Amino acid sequence: MTERAGREAERHRRVTDVLELLWRSGRTVATAESLTAGLVSVMLTEVGGASSVVRGGLVVYATDLKSGLAGVDPELLAARGAVDREVAEQLAEGARSRCGADWGIGLTGVAGPDSQDGNPPGTVYLGFAGPEGSVVHALRLAGDRQEIRHTAADTALEHFEALLR
């Protein structure tokens, strides 16, 4: 098995496990994605039957859409920029509330090649909002633009699986 095939098999196993955990708990999930532009939603819906637990996703690549669609505080965006721990948390909360889901996942960061708002490529924040509150994970990823985006999405699913357990 090639390294790529191994990663894809691991991703499929993780998505299947996440969906199973959601099905068993009777919970749903939605996403608000900037950095990954919908990649987590795509991964979550690659398994048949996902529609019973995946409510939807918001692609909020443009900063104004983070506030307009996902409900991120525009003053926070103006003060700190789009790549920020609290922005990731508000994206997750926005996905949850705007899509009517039990869980929200929010992703923001810099894929590169250039820095953004003083943050170097590989700066990533993963936000998770659920029935018991929210949590944010900060990452420093290496690689090119595609590697950073895919690693961020994979890591978001990994952290989400751990939260569901």
N, C-alpha and C. Protein backbone atom coordinates (compact mmCIF):
# COMPACT_ATOMS: atom_id res chain seq x y z
N MET A 1 0.84 -1.18 0.00
CA MET A 1 0.00 0.00 0.00
C MET A 1 0.88 1.23 0.00
N THR A 2 0.56 2.18 -0.89
CA THR A 2 1.33 3.41 -0.95
C THR A 2 0.99 4.29 0.26
N GLU A 3 1.85 5.26 0.49
CA GLU A 3 1.62 6.18 1.62
C GLU A 3 0.29 6.92 1.43
N ARG A 4 0.01 7.35 0.20
CA ARG A 4 -1.24 8.05 -0.06
C ARG A 4 -2.45 7.15 0.19
N ALA A 5 -2.37 5.91 -0.29
CA ALA A 5 -3.47 4.97 -0.07
C ALA A 5 -3.67 4.71 1.42
N GLY A 6 -2.58 4.66 2.17
CA GLY A 6 -2.67 4.47 3.61
C GLY A 6 -3.36 5.63 4.29
N ARG A 7 -3.03 6.87 3.87
CA ARG A 7 -3.68 8.06 4.43
C ARG A 7 -5.17 8.08 4.09
N GLU A 8 -5.50 7.70 2.87
CA GLU A 8 -6.91 7.69 2.46
C GLU A 8 -7.69 6.62 3.22
N ALA A 9 -7.08 5.48 3.45
CA ALA A 9 -7.75 4.43 4.22
C ALA A 9 -7.96 4.88 5.67
N GLU A 10 -6.98 5.53 6.24
CA GLU A 10 -7.10 6.05 7.61
C GLU A 10 -8.19 7.12 7.68
N ARG A 11 -8.23 8.01 6.68
CA ARG A 11 -9.25 9.05 6.63
C ARG A 11 -10.64 8.41 6.54
N HIS A 12 -10.82 7.42 5.69
CA HIS A 12 -12.11 6.75 5.53
C HIS A 12 -12.53 6.09 6.85
N ARG A 13 -11.58 5.45 7.53
CA ARG A 13 -11.88 4.82 8.82
C ARG A 13 -12.31 5.87 9.84
N ARG A 14 -11.59 6.99 9.87
CA ARG A 14 -11.91 8.04 10.84
C ARG A 14 -13.28 8.64 10.55
N VAL A 15 -13.58 8.93 9.29
CA VAL A 15 -14.88 9.49 8.94
C VAL A 15 -15.99 8.51 9.31
N THR A 16 -15.80 7.25 8.99
CA THR A 16 -16.79 6.22 9.33
C THR A 16 -17.01 6.16 10.83
N ASP A 17 -15.93 6.24 11.61
CA ASP A 17 -16.05 6.22 13.07
C ASP A 17 -16.77 7.47 13.59
N VAL A 18 -16.44 8.64 13.04
CA VAL A 18 -17.10 9.88 13.46
C VAL A 18 -18.60 9.80 13.17
N LEU A 19 -18.95 9.36 11.98
CA LEU A 19 -20.36 9.26 11.63
C LEU A 19 -21.08 8.25 12.52
N GLU A 20 -20.43 7.14 12.80
CA GLU A 20 -21.03 6.13 13.68
C GLU A 20 -21.25 6.69 15.08
N LEU A 21 -20.28 7.44 15.60
CA LEU A 21 -20.42 8.05 16.92
C LEU A 21 -21.58 9.05 16.93
N LEU A 22 -21.72 9.82 15.87
CA LEU A 22 -22.83 10.76 15.78
C LEU A 22 -24.16 10.01 15.69
N TRP A 23 -24.23 8.98 14.85
CA TRP A 23 -25.47 8.20 14.72
C TRP A 23 -25.90 7.63 16.07
N ARG A 24 -24.93 7.01 16.76
CA ARG A 24 -25.26 6.37 18.06
C ARG A 24 -25.71 7.37 19.10
N SER A 25 -25.15 8.58 19.07
CA SER A 25 -25.50 9.58 20.07
C SER A 25 -26.73 10.40 19.68
N GLY A 26 -27.18 10.24 18.43
CA GLY A 26 -28.31 11.02 17.96
C GLY A 26 -27.97 12.48 17.75
N ARG A 27 -26.69 12.79 17.51
CA ARG A 27 -26.21 14.16 17.35
C ARG A 27 -25.91 14.48 15.88
N THR A 28 -25.83 15.76 15.58
CA THR A 28 -25.53 16.22 14.22
C THR A 28 -24.34 17.17 14.24
N VAL A 29 -23.79 17.45 13.05
CA VAL A 29 -22.63 18.32 12.93
C VAL A 29 -22.79 19.23 11.71
N ALA A 30 -22.17 20.41 11.78
CA ALA A 30 -22.08 21.34 10.67
C ALA A 30 -20.70 21.99 10.72
N THR A 31 -20.27 22.53 9.61
CA THR A 31 -18.95 23.15 9.55
C THR A 31 -19.03 24.59 9.05
N ALA A 32 -18.04 25.39 9.45
CA ALA A 32 -17.79 26.71 8.89
C ALA A 32 -16.30 26.74 8.58
N GLU A 33 -15.98 26.72 7.30
CA GLU A 33 -14.59 26.54 6.89
C GLU A 33 -14.08 27.73 6.07
N SER A 34 -12.94 28.22 6.47
CA SER A 34 -12.24 29.24 5.72
C SER A 34 -11.03 28.60 5.03
N LEU A 35 -10.02 28.29 5.80
CA LEU A 35 -8.78 27.69 5.30
C LEU A 35 -9.02 26.51 4.38
N THR A 36 -9.93 25.63 4.75
CA THR A 36 -10.14 24.37 4.03
C THR A 36 -11.25 24.45 2.99
N ALA A 37 -11.96 25.57 2.92
CA ALA A 37 -12.96 25.84 1.87
C ALA A 37 -13.91 24.67 1.60
N GLY A 38 -14.37 24.02 2.66
CA GLY A 38 -15.35 22.95 2.51
C GLY A 38 -14.79 21.54 2.51
N LEU A 39 -13.50 21.41 2.66
CA LEU A 39 -12.86 20.10 2.60
C LEU A 39 -13.35 19.16 3.70
N VAL A 40 -13.56 19.65 4.91
CA VAL A 40 -14.06 18.79 5.99
C VAL A 40 -15.47 18.31 5.67
N SER A 41 -16.30 19.19 5.13
CA SER A 41 -17.65 18.77 4.74
C SER A 41 -17.61 17.71 3.66
N VAL A 42 -16.71 17.87 2.71
CA VAL A 42 -16.56 16.86 1.65
C VAL A 42 -16.18 15.52 2.26
N MET A 43 -15.21 15.53 3.15
CA MET A 43 -14.76 14.29 3.78
C MET A 43 -15.89 13.63 4.57
N LEU A 44 -16.65 14.43 5.32
CA LEU A 44 -17.73 13.88 6.14
C LEU A 44 -18.84 13.26 5.30
N THR A 45 -19.01 13.74 4.08
CA THR A 45 -20.12 13.26 3.26
C THR A 45 -19.70 12.24 2.21
N GLU A 46 -18.48 11.74 2.29
CA GLU A 46 -18.04 10.71 1.35
C GLU A 46 -18.58 9.33 1.70
N VAL A 47 -19.15 9.17 2.87
CA VAL A 47 -19.69 7.89 3.32
C VAL A 47 -21.21 7.95 3.21
N GLY A 48 -21.79 6.93 2.61
CA GLY A 48 -23.23 6.86 2.46
C GLY A 48 -23.94 6.95 3.80
N GLY A 49 -25.07 7.63 3.81
CA GLY A 49 -25.85 7.78 5.04
C GLY A 49 -25.46 8.99 5.86
N ALA A 50 -24.44 9.72 5.42
CA ALA A 50 -23.97 10.87 6.18
C ALA A 50 -25.04 11.95 6.34
N SER A 51 -25.98 11.99 5.41
CA SER A 51 -27.00 13.05 5.46
C SER A 51 -27.86 12.98 6.72
N SER A 52 -27.87 11.86 7.40
CA SER A 52 -28.67 11.77 8.62
C SER A 52 -27.99 12.47 9.81
N VAL A 53 -26.70 12.79 9.70
CA VAL A 53 -26.01 13.45 10.82
C VAL A 53 -25.23 14.70 10.40
N VAL A 54 -24.98 14.91 9.12
CA VAL A 54 -24.28 16.10 8.65
C VAL A 54 -25.33 17.10 8.19
N ARG A 55 -25.47 18.19 8.92
CA ARG A 55 -26.50 19.19 8.61
C ARG A 55 -26.12 20.07 7.43
N GLY A 56 -24.84 20.43 7.32
CA GLY A 56 -24.42 21.31 6.24
C GLY A 56 -23.10 21.95 6.55
N GLY A 57 -22.71 22.86 5.68
CA GLY A 57 -21.44 23.55 5.89
C GLY A 57 -21.45 24.91 5.24
N LEU A 58 -20.70 25.81 5.83
CA LEU A 58 -20.54 27.16 5.32
C LEU A 58 -19.10 27.32 4.86
N VAL A 59 -18.90 27.71 3.61
CA VAL A 59 -17.57 28.06 3.12
C VAL A 59 -17.48 29.57 3.23
N VAL A 60 -16.66 30.02 4.16
CA VAL A 60 -16.56 31.45 4.46
C VAL A 60 -15.11 31.90 4.22
N TYR A 61 -14.71 31.77 2.99
CA TYR A 61 -13.34 32.09 2.61
C TYR A 61 -13.08 33.59 2.74
N ALA A 62 -14.01 34.42 2.31
CA ALA A 62 -13.87 35.87 2.41
C ALA A 62 -14.17 36.33 3.84
N THR A 63 -13.42 37.29 4.32
CA THR A 63 -13.56 37.74 5.70
C THR A 63 -14.97 38.25 5.99
N ASP A 64 -15.58 38.98 5.06
CA ASP A 64 -16.92 39.51 5.34
C ASP A 64 -17.95 38.40 5.47
N LEU A 65 -17.73 37.27 4.84
CA LEU A 65 -18.66 36.15 4.98
C LEU A 65 -18.53 35.46 6.34
N LYS A 66 -17.38 35.58 6.96
CA LYS A 66 -17.22 35.01 8.31
C LYS A 66 -18.21 35.67 9.27
N SER A 67 -18.39 36.96 9.13
CA SER A 67 -19.39 37.63 9.97
C SER A 67 -20.78 37.50 9.39
N GLY A 68 -20.94 37.71 8.09
CA GLY A 68 -22.26 37.71 7.47
C GLY A 68 -22.95 36.37 7.48
N LEU A 69 -22.23 35.29 7.21
CA LEU A 69 -22.84 33.96 7.17
C LEU A 69 -22.67 33.18 8.47
N ALA A 70 -21.47 33.27 9.06
CA ALA A 70 -21.18 32.44 10.24
C ALA A 70 -21.37 33.17 11.56
N GLY A 71 -21.60 34.46 11.51
CA GLY A 71 -21.87 35.19 12.74
C GLY A 71 -20.66 35.58 13.57
N VAL A 72 -19.47 35.56 12.97
CA VAL A 72 -18.28 35.99 13.70
C VAL A 72 -18.38 37.50 13.93
N ASP A 73 -18.02 37.93 15.12
CA ASP A 73 -18.07 39.34 15.50
C ASP A 73 -17.19 40.17 14.56
N PRO A 74 -17.78 41.13 13.82
CA PRO A 74 -16.98 41.93 12.89
C PRO A 74 -15.90 42.76 13.60
N GLU A 75 -16.15 43.15 14.84
CA GLU A 75 -15.14 43.91 15.58
C GLU A 75 -13.93 43.03 15.91
N LEU A 76 -14.19 41.75 16.19
CA LEU A 76 -13.09 40.81 16.42
C LEU A 76 -12.26 40.66 15.15
N LEU A 77 -12.93 40.50 14.03
CA LEU A 77 -12.22 40.37 12.75
C LEU A 77 -11.40 41.62 12.44
N ALA A 78 -11.96 42.79 12.72
CA ALA A 78 -11.24 44.04 12.46
C ALA A 78 -10.03 44.19 13.37
N ALA A 79 -10.17 43.76 14.61
CA ALA A 79 -9.09 43.92 15.59
C ALA A 79 -7.99 42.89 15.43
N ARG A 80 -8.35 41.64 15.16
CA ARG A 80 -7.36 40.55 15.17
C ARG A 80 -7.13 39.89 13.83
N GLY A 81 -8.01 40.11 12.90
CA GLY A 81 -7.90 39.45 11.60
C GLY A 81 -8.62 38.11 11.64
N ALA A 82 -8.64 37.44 10.50
CA ALA A 82 -9.40 36.19 10.34
C ALA A 82 -8.69 34.98 10.93
N VAL A 83 -7.40 35.07 11.14
CA VAL A 83 -6.63 33.92 11.63
C VAL A 83 -6.39 34.12 13.12
N ASP A 84 -7.30 33.55 13.91
CA ASP A 84 -7.30 33.82 15.34
C ASP A 84 -8.06 32.70 16.06
N ARG A 85 -7.63 32.41 17.26
CA ARG A 85 -8.26 31.38 18.09
C ARG A 85 -9.74 31.66 18.31
N GLU A 86 -10.08 32.88 18.68
CA GLU A 86 -11.47 33.22 18.96
C GLU A 86 -12.33 33.19 17.69
N VAL A 87 -11.74 33.53 16.56
CA VAL A 87 -12.46 33.44 15.29
C VAL A 87 -12.84 31.99 15.01
N ALA A 88 -11.91 31.06 15.24
CA ALA A 88 -12.21 29.63 15.04
C ALA A 88 -13.35 29.18 15.95
N GLU A 89 -13.33 29.64 17.18
CA GLU A 89 -14.40 29.29 18.12
C GLU A 89 -15.74 29.83 17.65
N GLN A 90 -15.75 31.09 17.21
CA GLN A 90 -17.00 31.69 16.73
C GLN A 90 -17.46 31.06 15.42
N LEU A 91 -16.54 30.62 14.57
CA LEU A 91 -16.93 29.88 13.36
C LEU A 91 -17.65 28.59 13.74
N ALA A 92 -17.10 27.88 14.71
CA ALA A 92 -17.72 26.62 15.15
C ALA A 92 -19.10 26.88 15.74
N GLU A 93 -19.20 27.91 16.57
CA GLU A 93 -20.49 28.26 17.18
C GLU A 93 -21.48 28.70 16.10
N GLY A 94 -21.00 29.44 15.11
CA GLY A 94 -21.85 29.89 14.02
C GLY A 94 -22.35 28.74 13.17
N ALA A 95 -21.47 27.78 12.88
CA ALA A 95 -21.89 26.60 12.10
C ALA A 95 -22.98 25.85 12.86
N ARG A 96 -22.76 25.71 14.13
CA ARG A 96 -23.72 24.98 14.98
C ARG A 96 -25.08 25.69 15.00
N SER A 97 -25.08 26.97 15.28
CA SER A 97 -26.35 27.69 15.42
C SER A 97 -27.02 27.95 14.07
N ARG A 98 -26.25 28.35 13.07
CA ARG A 98 -26.85 28.71 11.78
C ARG A 98 -27.37 27.49 11.02
N CYS A 99 -26.75 26.34 11.25
CA CYS A 99 -27.19 25.11 10.56
C CYS A 99 -28.07 24.22 11.43
N GLY A 100 -28.31 24.63 12.66
CA GLY A 100 -29.16 23.85 13.55
C GLY A 100 -28.59 22.49 13.90
N ALA A 101 -27.29 22.45 14.19
CA ALA A 101 -26.59 21.21 14.51
C ALA A 101 -26.24 21.15 16.00
N ASP A 102 -25.98 19.95 16.48
CA ASP A 102 -25.52 19.77 17.86
C ASP A 102 -24.06 20.17 18.02
N TRP A 103 -23.27 19.93 16.97
CA TRP A 103 -21.84 20.22 16.97
C TRP A 103 -21.50 21.14 15.81
N GLY A 104 -20.56 22.04 16.03
CA GLY A 104 -20.02 22.87 14.97
C GLY A 104 -18.51 22.74 14.94
N ILE A 105 -17.98 22.72 13.73
CA ILE A 105 -16.52 22.69 13.54
C ILE A 105 -16.16 23.93 12.72
N GLY A 106 -15.19 24.71 13.20
CA GLY A 106 -14.73 25.90 12.50
C GLY A 106 -13.24 25.84 12.25
N LEU A 107 -12.84 26.16 11.04
CA LEU A 107 -11.42 26.13 10.69
C LEU A 107 -11.00 27.45 10.06
N THR A 108 -9.88 27.98 10.52
CA THR A 108 -9.29 29.17 9.94
C THR A 108 -7.77 29.03 10.03
N GLY A 109 -7.08 29.69 9.13
CA GLY A 109 -5.62 29.60 9.14
C GLY A 109 -5.01 30.14 7.87
N VAL A 110 -3.72 29.88 7.72
CA VAL A 110 -2.95 30.36 6.58
C VAL A 110 -2.33 29.17 5.87
N ALA A 111 -2.72 28.96 4.62
CA ALA A 111 -2.15 27.87 3.83
C ALA A 111 -0.91 28.31 3.06
N GLY A 112 -0.77 29.60 2.84
CA GLY A 112 0.39 30.11 2.13
C GLY A 112 0.10 30.34 0.65
N PRO A 113 1.06 30.76 -0.07
CA PRO A 113 2.46 30.83 0.31
C PRO A 113 2.84 32.04 1.16
N ASP A 114 1.96 33.05 1.24
CA ASP A 114 2.28 34.27 1.97
C ASP A 114 1.67 34.26 3.37
N SER A 115 2.22 35.08 4.24
CA SER A 115 1.65 35.28 5.57
C SER A 115 0.34 36.05 5.45
N GLN A 116 -0.48 35.97 6.49
CA GLN A 116 -1.74 36.72 6.53
C GLN A 116 -1.91 37.30 7.92
N ASP A 117 -2.17 38.58 7.99
CA ASP A 117 -2.38 39.26 9.27
C ASP A 117 -1.24 38.98 10.26
N GLY A 118 -0.02 38.87 9.74
CA GLY A 118 1.14 38.61 10.59
C GLY A 118 1.33 37.16 10.97
N ASN A 119 0.50 36.27 10.45
CA ASN A 119 0.60 34.84 10.75
C ASN A 119 1.27 34.11 9.59
N PRO A 120 2.30 33.33 9.87
CA PRO A 120 2.99 32.62 8.81
C PRO A 120 2.17 31.44 8.29
N PRO A 121 2.48 30.97 7.08
CA PRO A 121 1.82 29.77 6.57
C PRO A 121 1.98 28.61 7.56
N GLY A 122 0.92 27.84 7.71
CA GLY A 122 0.93 26.72 8.64
C GLY A 122 0.28 27.05 9.97
N THR A 123 -0.09 28.33 10.19
CA THR A 123 -0.82 28.71 11.39
C THR A 123 -2.28 28.31 11.19
N VAL A 124 -2.79 27.47 12.07
CA VAL A 124 -4.15 26.94 11.90
C VAL A 124 -4.84 26.90 13.26
N TYR A 125 -6.12 27.26 13.25
CA TYR A 125 -6.96 27.14 14.44
C TYR A 125 -8.18 26.29 14.10
N LEU A 126 -8.44 25.30 14.94
CA LEU A 126 -9.58 24.40 14.79
C LEU A 126 -10.52 24.64 15.96
N GLY A 127 -11.72 25.05 15.68
CA GLY A 127 -12.71 25.30 16.72
C GLY A 127 -13.79 24.23 16.71
N PHE A 128 -14.23 23.86 17.90
CA PHE A 128 -15.29 22.86 18.06
C PHE A 128 -16.28 23.39 19.09
N ALA A 129 -17.56 23.44 18.72
CA ALA A 129 -18.60 23.89 19.64
C ALA A 129 -19.62 22.78 19.74
N GLY A 130 -19.95 22.39 20.96
CA GLY A 130 -20.89 21.30 21.17
C GLY A 130 -21.81 21.55 22.33
N PRO A 131 -22.57 20.54 22.68
CA PRO A 131 -23.55 20.68 23.76
C PRO A 131 -22.96 21.09 25.10
N GLU A 132 -21.71 20.75 25.34
CA GLU A 132 -21.08 21.07 26.64
C GLU A 132 -20.12 22.24 26.58
N GLY A 133 -20.09 22.97 25.47
CA GLY A 133 -19.18 24.10 25.36
C GLY A 133 -18.30 24.01 24.14
N SER A 134 -17.21 24.77 24.17
CA SER A 134 -16.34 24.82 23.00
C SER A 134 -14.88 24.67 23.38
N VAL A 135 -14.09 24.29 22.38
CA VAL A 135 -12.65 24.13 22.55
C VAL A 135 -11.97 24.51 21.23
N VAL A 136 -10.76 25.04 21.34
CA VAL A 136 -9.99 25.43 20.16
C VAL A 136 -8.61 24.80 20.25
N HIS A 137 -8.14 24.27 19.13
CA HIS A 137 -6.78 23.73 19.05
C HIS A 137 -5.98 24.59 18.07
N ALA A 138 -4.79 24.99 18.49
CA ALA A 138 -3.87 25.75 17.64
C ALA A 138 -2.85 24.79 17.07
N LEU A 139 -2.58 24.92 15.77
CA LEU A 139 -1.61 24.05 15.09
C LEU A 139 -0.57 24.88 14.38
N ARG A 140 0.62 24.30 14.25
CA ARG A 140 1.68 24.86 13.40
C ARG A 140 2.05 23.75 12.44
N LEU A 141 1.55 23.84 11.21
CA LEU A 141 1.74 22.79 10.22
C LEU A 141 2.82 23.17 9.21
N ALA A 142 3.47 22.16 8.69
CA ALA A 142 4.50 22.36 7.67
C ALA A 142 3.99 21.79 6.35
N GLY A 143 4.59 22.26 5.28
CA GLY A 143 4.25 21.73 3.97
C GLY A 143 3.79 22.82 3.03
N ASP A 144 3.43 22.41 1.83
CA ASP A 144 2.93 23.37 0.86
C ASP A 144 1.45 23.64 1.12
N ARG A 145 0.87 24.47 0.31
CA ARG A 145 -0.51 24.91 0.48
C ARG A 145 -1.48 23.73 0.61
N GLN A 146 -1.39 22.78 -0.30
CA GLN A 146 -2.31 21.63 -0.27
C GLN A 146 -2.06 20.74 0.95
N GLU A 147 -0.80 20.54 1.30
CA GLU A 147 -0.50 19.72 2.48
C GLU A 147 -1.07 20.34 3.75
N ILE A 148 -0.94 21.65 3.88
CA ILE A 148 -1.44 22.34 5.06
C ILE A 148 -2.96 22.20 5.13
N ARG A 149 -3.65 22.42 4.03
CA ARG A 149 -5.12 22.33 4.00
C ARG A 149 -5.60 20.92 4.34
N HIS A 150 -4.99 19.91 3.71
CA HIS A 150 -5.41 18.53 3.94
C HIS A 150 -5.07 18.07 5.36
N THR A 151 -3.90 18.46 5.86
CA THR A 151 -3.52 18.09 7.22
C THR A 151 -4.45 18.76 8.23
N ALA A 152 -4.82 20.01 7.97
CA ALA A 152 -5.76 20.70 8.87
C ALA A 152 -7.10 19.97 8.90
N ALA A 153 -7.61 19.57 7.74
CA ALA A 153 -8.89 18.86 7.69
C ALA A 153 -8.79 17.50 8.38
N ASP A 154 -7.73 16.76 8.11
CA ASP A 154 -7.55 15.47 8.76
C ASP A 154 -7.45 15.62 10.28
N THR A 155 -6.70 16.63 10.72
CA THR A 155 -6.52 16.85 12.15
C THR A 155 -7.82 17.28 12.81
N ALA A 156 -8.63 18.07 12.10
CA ALA A 156 -9.93 18.46 12.63
C ALA A 156 -10.79 17.22 12.87
N LEU A 157 -10.80 16.29 11.93
CA LEU A 157 -11.58 15.07 12.10
C LEU A 157 -11.03 14.22 13.25
N GLU A 158 -9.72 14.20 13.38
CA GLU A 158 -9.08 13.45 14.48
C GLU A 158 -9.51 14.02 15.83
N HIS A 159 -9.44 15.33 15.98
CA HIS A 159 -9.83 15.97 17.24
C HIS A 159 -11.33 15.81 17.49
N PHE A 160 -12.12 15.91 16.42
CA PHE A 160 -13.57 15.77 16.58
C PHE A 160 -13.93 14.34 17.03
N GLU A 161 -13.26 13.36 16.46
CA GLU A 161 -13.50 11.97 16.88
C GLU A 161 -13.20 11.82 18.37
N ALA A 162 -12.09 12.40 18.82
CA ALA A 162 -11.73 12.32 20.25
C ALA A 162 -12.78 13.00 21.12
N LEU A 163 -13.32 14.14 20.68
CA LEU A 163 -14.36 14.82 21.45
C LEU A 163 -15.63 13.97 21.55
N LEU A 164 -15.96 13.26 20.49
CA LEU A 164 -17.16 12.45 20.48
C LEU A 164 -17.04 11.21 21.37
N ARG A 165 -15.83 10.77 21.60
CA ARG A 165 -15.61 9.58 22.44
C ARG A 165 -15.71 9.97 23.88
